[in-house]
Amino acid sequence: MWLTCSHSSRGYTLAAHPDGFSNEEWWGIMRPVDNDLELDTMQPRQAFFALQQEWLVAGDFDYDQDVDQSDFSLFQACLSGIGATASDPACQEADFNGDRDVDQSDLELFEKCASGPGIPAVAGCLRVD
């Protein structure tokens, strides 16, 4: 999962950080990757995926609080195969295991979260207890 973004000054100022701001990249959630003269790329760290599994309903791509066939159709459009990076930035959410592709492993995780139409999905469904 790679995100392209500009630096936000919405964090609070803190001289201890190289750019003077404290925000998500300094709390260990994201790692900024220099992209020459373009916007920096943000690479999620393991903490991001742990929080994502706790707070978000994985697989609810249409944000209607369930994981159903309409979500599967969006997931299916993102399937790239083992080791083939998903090229559409909208497919970042479908890479449940964070290995930069959308494949059989991600499908198995999607199935763990499937709830059916109108049945509320469970946040944290990807958590391993």
Protein backbone atom coordinates (compact mmCIF):
# COMPACT_ATOMS: atom_id res chain seq x y z
CA MET A 1 0.00 0.00 0.00
CA TRP A 2 1.59 3.24 -1.15
CA LEU A 3 0.03 6.64 -0.68
CA THR A 4 1.07 9.85 -2.41
CA CYS A 5 0.49 12.94 -0.36
CA SER A 6 1.86 16.31 0.54
CA HIS A 7 3.16 17.02 4.00
CA SER A 8 0.51 18.31 6.35
CA SER A 9 1.28 21.02 8.85
CA ARG A 10 -1.77 19.96 10.86
CA GLY A 11 0.42 18.18 13.34
CA TYR A 12 1.66 20.22 16.24
CA THR A 13 4.99 21.99 16.07
CA LEU A 14 7.87 20.25 17.77
CA ALA A 15 11.46 21.28 17.23
CA ALA A 16 12.73 17.76 17.93
CA HIS A 17 11.50 16.56 14.52
CA PRO A 18 13.48 17.32 11.36
CA ASP A 19 10.73 19.40 9.76
CA GLY A 20 9.45 20.90 13.00
CA PHE A 21 6.09 19.10 12.96
CA SER A 22 4.81 16.05 14.78
CA ASN A 23 2.27 14.00 12.85
CA GLU A 24 1.57 10.45 11.71
CA GLU A 25 4.94 9.86 10.07
CA TRP A 26 6.74 10.59 13.34
CA TRP A 27 4.50 8.33 15.39
CA GLY A 28 5.62 5.25 13.50
CA ILE A 29 2.48 4.80 11.40
CA MET A 30 3.94 5.84 8.04
CA ARG A 31 7.43 6.10 6.62
CA PRO A 32 8.06 8.97 4.19
CA VAL A 33 9.97 7.92 1.10
CA ASP A 34 11.74 10.64 -0.91
CA ASN A 35 10.28 10.95 -4.40
CA ASP A 36 12.78 13.43 -5.85
CA LEU A 37 10.98 16.59 -6.96
CA GLU A 38 7.51 15.01 -6.77
CA LEU A 39 5.39 14.60 -3.65
CA ASP A 40 6.89 12.18 -1.15
CA THR A 41 5.44 8.70 -1.05
CA MET A 42 4.19 7.39 2.28
CA GLN A 43 4.82 3.73 3.02
CA PRO A 44 2.74 2.23 5.84
CA ARG A 45 4.59 0.54 8.66
CA GLN A 46 3.40 -2.54 10.54
CA ALA A 47 1.65 -0.34 13.11
CA PHE A 48 -0.59 1.00 10.34
CA PHE A 49 -1.83 -2.46 9.44
CA ALA A 50 -2.41 -3.37 13.09
CA LEU A 51 -4.54 -0.25 13.61
CA GLN A 52 -6.32 -0.76 10.30
CA GLN A 53 -7.41 -4.23 11.38
CA GLU A 54 -8.71 -2.91 14.69
CA TRP A 55 -10.63 0.14 13.53
CA LEU A 56 -11.72 -0.39 9.96
CA VAL A 57 -14.09 -2.93 8.52
CA ALA A 58 -11.82 -4.64 6.04
CA GLY A 59 -13.51 -5.34 2.74
CA ASP A 60 -16.26 -2.71 3.08
CA PHE A 61 -15.13 -0.90 -0.06
CA ASP A 62 -18.44 0.92 -0.59
CA TYR A 63 -18.58 2.04 3.07
CA ASP A 64 -22.13 0.80 3.69
CA GLN A 65 -21.17 -1.08 6.90
CA ASP A 66 -21.45 -4.57 5.39
CA VAL A 67 -19.12 -6.75 3.33
CA ASP A 68 -21.16 -8.23 0.52
CA GLN A 69 -21.25 -8.96 -3.23
CA SER A 70 -20.91 -5.29 -4.19
CA ASP A 71 -17.71 -5.13 -2.13
CA PHE A 72 -16.50 -8.35 -3.73
CA SER A 73 -16.96 -6.89 -7.22
CA LEU A 74 -14.72 -3.97 -6.23
CA PHE A 75 -12.20 -6.40 -4.69
CA GLN A 76 -12.26 -8.61 -7.80
CA ALA A 77 -11.41 -5.64 -10.03
CA CYS A 78 -8.22 -5.21 -7.97
CA LEU A 79 -6.93 -8.78 -8.24
CA SER A 80 -3.39 -8.57 -9.58
CA GLY A 81 -1.91 -11.98 -8.74
CA ILE A 82 1.03 -13.08 -6.63
CA GLY A 83 3.87 -10.57 -6.73
CA ALA A 84 2.14 -8.32 -9.30
CA THR A 85 1.73 -4.87 -7.79
CA ALA A 86 -1.81 -3.56 -8.00
CA SER A 87 -1.53 -0.53 -10.28
CA ASP A 88 -4.74 1.30 -9.31
CA PRO A 89 -4.27 3.42 -6.16
CA ALA A 90 -7.91 2.68 -5.30
CA CYS A 91 -6.85 -0.95 -4.79
CA GLN A 92 -4.63 -0.18 -1.81
CA GLU A 93 -7.42 -1.16 0.58
CA ALA A 94 -7.70 -4.60 -1.06
CA ASP A 95 -4.10 -5.47 -0.13
CA PHE A 96 -5.09 -6.80 3.29
CA ASN A 97 -1.72 -8.35 4.12
CA GLY A 98 0.36 -5.37 2.99
CA ASP A 99 2.53 -7.21 0.46
CA ARG A 100 1.70 -4.77 -2.40
CA ASP A 101 -0.32 -7.25 -4.46
CA VAL A 102 -3.94 -8.41 -4.37
CA ASP A 103 -3.99 -12.17 -4.63
CA GLN A 104 -5.37 -15.42 -3.18
CA SER A 105 -4.05 -14.55 0.29
CA ASP A 106 -6.03 -11.32 0.26
CA LEU A 107 -9.12 -13.17 -1.00
CA GLU A 108 -8.92 -15.53 1.96
CA LEU A 109 -8.80 -12.53 4.29
CA PHE A 110 -11.72 -10.89 2.47
CA GLU A 111 -13.78 -14.03 3.03
CA LYS A 112 -13.08 -13.82 6.80
CA CYS A 113 -14.79 -10.42 6.84
CA ALA A 114 -17.75 -11.17 4.55
CA SER A 115 -21.04 -10.54 6.32
CA GLY A 116 -23.71 -10.39 3.60
CA PRO A 117 -25.99 -7.61 2.37
CA GLY A 118 -27.43 -5.48 5.15
CA ILE A 119 -25.60 -7.47 7.86
CA PRO A 120 -23.16 -5.23 9.76
CA ALA A 121 -19.57 -6.31 9.27
CA VAL A 122 -17.29 -6.66 12.26
CA ALA A 123 -14.36 -4.28 12.68
CA GLY A 124 -11.21 -6.20 13.51
CA CYS A 125 -12.28 -9.25 11.49
CA LEU A 126 -8.71 -9.70 10.28
CA ARG A 127 -7.29 -9.79 13.78
CA VAL A 128 -5.49 -12.97 14.75
CA ASP A 129 -6.22 -13.85 18.38
